[in-house]
Amino acid sequence: MCGYAAPKLDTVRIGIIGIGGRGSAAVGRLSYIEGVEIKGLCDIVTERAEAAKEKIKSRGHSPIVFSGDENAWMEMCRREEFNLIYIA
C-alpha cells in the first residue's frame, strides 16, 4: 500500500467500550487530543461510564452513556455518529 493516503478527517468521533483500568485511562488521554470528539462511553457498570463522562465534561465532551446490559455496546456500534470505535 505504498503511497496510499486516506482522506483527512477534521473531527474523529469516538466511542469507547470498557471503562475499567485501561479504558478509563484512554478516556482521559483521548479527551485532550485536538480534533477528537468522544461521543459514547460504554461499560456494563453504569457508575464507571458516568464517572468517566464527568471526568471529561470540563474539556467540552458530552458523550452518551451506554450501559446496564451486556449488549449495550452493540447499540453504540450501530450509531452513525461514530467514525471510530476504540475497544479497551
C-alpha atoms as a PDB file:
ATOM      1  CA  MET A   1       0.000   0.000   0.000  1.00  0.00           C
ATOM      2  CA  CYS A   2       2.928   2.252  -0.672  1.00  0.00           C
ATOM      3  CA  GLY A   3       1.781   5.795  -1.311  1.00  0.00           C
ATOM      4  CA  TYR A   4      -1.777   5.244  -0.046  1.00  0.00           C
ATOM      5  CA  ALA A   5      -3.253   8.078   1.980  1.00  0.00           C
ATOM      6  CA  ALA A   6      -6.736   8.151   3.429  1.00  0.00           C
ATOM      7  CA  PRO A   7      -8.625  11.426   3.301  1.00  0.00           C
ATOM      8  CA  LYS A   8      -8.164  13.630   6.354  1.00  0.00           C
ATOM      9  CA  LEU A   9     -10.940  13.722   8.938  1.00  0.00           C
ATOM     10  CA  ASP A  10     -11.415  17.109  10.577  1.00  0.00           C
ATOM     11  CA  THR A  11     -13.135  15.503  13.544  1.00  0.00           C
ATOM     12  CA  VAL A  12     -12.743  11.922  14.689  1.00  0.00           C
ATOM     13  CA  ARG A  13     -15.767  10.840  16.696  1.00  0.00           C
ATOM     14  CA  ILE A  14     -15.005   8.055  19.145  1.00  0.00           C
ATOM     15  CA  GLY A  15     -16.914   5.563  21.247  1.00  0.00           C
ATOM     16  CA  ILE A  16     -15.061   3.726  23.981  1.00  0.00           C
ATOM     17  CA  ILE A  17     -16.108   0.281  25.138  1.00  0.00           C
ATOM     18  CA  GLY A  18     -14.854  -0.863  28.534  1.00  0.00           C
ATOM     19  CA  ILE A  19     -14.174   1.834  31.113  1.00  0.00           C
ATOM     20  CA  GLY A  20     -12.127  -0.255  33.535  1.00  0.00           C
ATOM     21  CA  GLY A  21      -8.443   0.476  34.254  1.00  0.00           C
ATOM     22  CA  ARG A  22      -7.126   0.852  30.698  1.00  0.00           C
ATOM     23  CA  GLY A  23     -10.385   2.208  29.309  1.00  0.00           C
ATOM     24  CA  SER A  24     -10.575   4.894  31.977  1.00  0.00           C
ATOM     25  CA  ALA A  25      -7.019   5.986  31.199  1.00  0.00           C
ATOM     26  CA  ALA A  26      -7.783   6.009  27.460  1.00  0.00           C
ATOM     27  CA  VAL A  27     -10.789   8.271  28.023  1.00  0.00           C
ATOM     28  CA  GLY A  28      -8.559  10.767  29.822  1.00  0.00           C
ATOM     29  CA  ARG A  29      -5.819  10.714  27.171  1.00  0.00           C
ATOM     30  CA  LEU A  30      -8.174  10.941  24.204  1.00  0.00           C
ATOM     31  CA  SER A  31     -10.095  13.837  25.727  1.00  0.00           C
ATOM     32  CA  TYR A  32      -7.046  16.104  25.306  1.00  0.00           C
ATOM     33  CA  ILE A  33      -6.433  15.440  21.594  1.00  0.00           C
ATOM     34  CA  GLU A  34      -7.449  18.236  19.254  1.00  0.00           C
ATOM     35  CA  GLY A  35      -9.937  17.056  16.640  1.00  0.00           C
ATOM     36  CA  VAL A  36     -11.245  14.200  18.798  1.00  0.00           C
ATOM     37  CA  GLU A  37     -14.823  14.195  19.980  1.00  0.00           C
ATOM     38  CA  ILE A  38     -15.765  11.488  22.493  1.00  0.00           C
ATOM     39  CA  LYS A  39     -19.351  10.650  21.559  1.00  0.00           C
ATOM     40  CA  GLY A  40     -20.013   7.491  23.563  1.00  0.00           C
ATOM     41  CA  LEU A  41     -18.873   5.594  26.635  1.00  0.00           C
ATOM     42  CA  CYS A  42     -19.900   2.016  27.272  1.00  0.00           C
ATOM     43  CA  ASP A  43     -19.440  -0.218  30.286  1.00  0.00           C
ATOM     44  CA  ILE A  44     -21.609  -2.848  31.898  1.00  0.00           C
ATOM     45  CA  VAL A  45     -21.135  -0.953  35.186  1.00  0.00           C
ATOM     46  CA  THR A  46     -23.090   2.284  34.743  1.00  0.00           C
ATOM     47  CA  GLU A  47     -21.183   4.101  37.500  1.00  0.00           C
ATOM     48  CA  ARG A  48     -17.871   3.664  35.637  1.00  0.00           C
ATOM     49  CA  ALA A  49     -19.230   5.170  32.443  1.00  0.00           C
ATOM     50  CA  GLU A  50     -20.906   8.037  34.315  1.00  0.00           C
ATOM     51  CA  ALA A  51     -17.692   8.788  36.254  1.00  0.00           C
ATOM     52  CA  ALA A  52     -15.689   8.896  33.007  1.00  0.00           C
ATOM     53  CA  LYS A  53     -18.301  11.215  31.485  1.00  0.00           C
ATOM     54  CA  GLU A  54     -17.979  13.608  34.436  1.00  0.00           C
ATOM     55  CA  LYS A  55     -14.182  13.498  34.187  1.00  0.00           C
ATOM     56  CA  ILE A  56     -14.145  14.810  30.595  1.00  0.00           C
ATOM     57  CA  LYS A  57     -17.086  17.181  30.809  1.00  0.00           C
ATOM     58  CA  SER A  58     -14.839  20.153  31.599  1.00  0.00           C
ATOM     59  CA  ARG A  59     -12.922  19.531  28.356  1.00  0.00           C
ATOM     60  CA  GLY A  60     -16.035  20.018  26.238  1.00  0.00           C
ATOM     61  CA  HIS A  61     -17.045  16.390  25.717  1.00  0.00           C
ATOM     62  CA  SER A  62     -20.581  15.219  26.449  1.00  0.00           C
ATOM     63  CA  PRO A  63     -20.760  11.561  25.439  1.00  0.00           C
ATOM     64  CA  ILE A  64     -23.825   9.349  25.531  1.00  0.00           C
ATOM     65  CA  VAL A  65     -23.542   6.567  28.136  1.00  0.00           C
ATOM     66  CA  PHE A  66     -24.418   3.051  27.032  1.00  0.00           C
ATOM     67  CA  SER A  67     -24.661   0.686  29.969  1.00  0.00           C
ATOM     68  CA  GLY A  68     -26.647  -1.612  32.194  1.00  0.00           C
ATOM     69  CA  ASP A  69     -26.696  -4.566  29.815  1.00  0.00           C
ATOM     70  CA  GLU A  70     -24.013  -6.840  28.421  1.00  0.00           C
ATOM     71  CA  ASN A  71     -25.189  -5.962  24.901  1.00  0.00           C
ATOM     72  CA  ALA A  72     -25.215  -2.173  25.338  1.00  0.00           C
ATOM     73  CA  TRP A  73     -22.046  -1.924  23.241  1.00  0.00           C
ATOM     74  CA  MET A  74     -23.989  -3.149  20.198  1.00  0.00           C
ATOM     75  CA  GLU A  75     -26.288  -0.133  20.354  1.00  0.00           C
ATOM     76  CA  MET A  76     -23.305   2.193  20.482  1.00  0.00           C
ATOM     77  CA  CYS A  77     -21.686   0.481  17.491  1.00  0.00           C
ATOM     78  CA  ARG A  78     -24.860   0.913  15.449  1.00  0.00           C
ATOM     79  CA  ARG A  79     -24.787   4.691  15.859  1.00  0.00           C
ATOM     80  CA  GLU A  80     -23.820   6.589  12.716  1.00  0.00           C
ATOM     81  CA  GLU A  81     -22.153   9.464  14.555  1.00  0.00           C
ATOM     82  CA  PHE A  82     -19.002   7.452  15.259  1.00  0.00           C
ATOM     83  CA  ASN A  83     -16.058   7.348  12.845  1.00  0.00           C
ATOM     84  CA  LEU A  84     -14.091   5.001  15.034  1.00  0.00           C
ATOM     85  CA  ILE A  85     -14.686   2.593  17.870  1.00  0.00           C
ATOM     86  CA  TYR A  86     -11.837   2.035  20.322  1.00  0.00           C
ATOM     87  CA  ILE A  87     -12.168  -1.137  22.366  1.00  0.00           C
ATOM     88  CA  ALA A  88     -10.052  -1.185  25.511  1.00  0.00           C
END
